[in-house]
Amino acid sequence: MTQEEKMQLEEKVKKIIEQLREYLQADGGDIRFVELTDGKIVYVELQGHCGSCPHVMITLKQGVEAAIKEELPEIVAVERI
């Protein structure tokens, strides 16, 4: 993946995350994009209530990761820092 392709993919990921933020914010949480690796793994930081919620992995995998991979199937995984 070229640097330009990576930047384009990163922008697409950020747009999806921005759309998801309102749902997380409604529950007192938030999400911040951290990094897209060359291996197409997205790292995010879950903040507020989402950072300490016992259901954080469900939110991350079945919510955030599923939404991103639905739009961008080339993404391998979404992980939290």
Protein backbone atom coordinates (compact mmCIF):
# COMPACT_ATOMS: atom_id res chain seq x y z
CA MET A 1 0.00 0.00 0.00
CA THR A 2 1.44 3.34 -1.04
CA GLN A 3 1.47 6.30 1.32
CA GLU A 4 -1.25 7.96 -0.77
CA GLU A 5 -3.46 4.84 -0.62
CA LYS A 6 -2.92 4.67 3.13
CA MET A 7 -3.92 8.32 3.55
CA GLN A 8 -7.07 7.80 1.47
CA LEU A 9 -8.04 4.71 3.45
CA GLU A 10 -7.34 6.53 6.72
CA GLU A 11 -9.68 9.36 5.71
CA LYS A 12 -12.44 6.86 4.93
CA VAL A 13 -11.95 5.19 8.32
CA LYS A 14 -12.07 8.57 10.09
CA LYS A 15 -15.36 9.45 8.37
CA ILE A 16 -16.96 6.20 9.54
CA ILE A 17 -15.69 6.73 13.08
CA GLU A 18 -17.09 10.25 13.05
CA GLN A 19 -20.52 8.85 12.13
CA LEU A 20 -20.33 6.36 15.01
CA ARG A 21 -19.35 8.98 17.58
CA GLU A 22 -22.90 10.28 18.05
CA TYR A 23 -24.11 6.83 19.14
CA LEU A 24 -21.28 6.44 21.63
CA GLN A 25 -21.70 9.99 22.90
CA ALA A 26 -25.39 9.33 23.53
CA ASP A 27 -24.28 6.72 26.09
CA GLY A 28 -21.67 8.98 27.68
CA GLY A 29 -18.73 7.63 25.71
CA ASP A 30 -16.62 8.66 22.77
CA ILE A 31 -14.09 7.29 20.30
CA ARG A 32 -10.89 8.71 18.87
CA PHE A 33 -8.97 7.47 15.82
CA VAL A 34 -5.34 6.74 16.73
CA GLU A 35 -3.66 4.94 13.83
CA LEU A 36 -4.02 2.86 10.70
CA THR A 37 -1.11 0.43 10.37
CA ASP A 38 0.43 -0.79 7.12
CA GLY A 39 -1.19 -4.14 7.95
CA LYS A 40 -4.61 -2.40 7.75
CA ILE A 41 -5.34 -2.61 11.46
CA VAL A 42 -7.17 0.40 12.89
CA TYR A 43 -6.36 1.51 16.43
CA VAL A 44 -8.87 3.61 18.35
CA GLU A 45 -9.19 4.96 21.85
CA LEU A 46 -12.54 4.48 23.55
CA GLN A 47 -13.17 7.32 25.96
CA GLY A 48 -15.62 8.29 28.67
CA HIS A 49 -18.03 5.55 29.72
CA CYS A 50 -16.90 3.43 26.76
CA GLY A 51 -13.40 3.20 28.19
CA SER A 52 -14.59 1.52 31.39
CA CYS A 53 -17.78 -0.21 30.27
CA PRO A 54 -17.88 -3.99 30.82
CA HIS A 55 -19.32 -4.32 27.30
CA VAL A 56 -16.43 -2.47 25.65
CA MET A 57 -15.29 -5.43 23.55
CA ILE A 58 -18.81 -6.01 22.23
CA THR A 59 -19.05 -2.33 21.31
CA LEU A 60 -15.63 -2.46 19.67
CA LYS A 61 -16.01 -5.69 17.70
CA GLN A 62 -19.74 -5.92 16.94
CA GLY A 63 -20.24 -2.18 16.63
CA VAL A 64 -17.20 -0.24 15.52
CA GLU A 65 -15.26 -2.99 13.74
CA ALA A 66 -18.37 -4.38 12.02
CA ALA A 67 -19.36 -0.93 10.73
CA ILE A 68 -15.88 -0.17 9.42
CA LYS A 69 -15.41 -3.59 7.79
CA GLU A 70 -18.85 -3.38 6.17
CA GLU A 71 -17.78 -0.23 4.33
CA LEU A 72 -14.09 -1.10 4.01
CA PRO A 73 -13.65 -4.89 3.82
CA GLU A 74 -9.91 -4.48 3.33
CA ILE A 75 -9.58 -3.49 7.01
CA VAL A 76 -8.25 -6.50 8.93
CA ALA A 77 -9.30 -5.51 12.47
CA VAL A 78 -10.13 -2.66 14.82
CA GLU A 79 -8.31 -2.69 18.15
CA ARG A 80 -8.26 -0.35 21.12
CA ILE A 81 -5.23 1.14 22.74
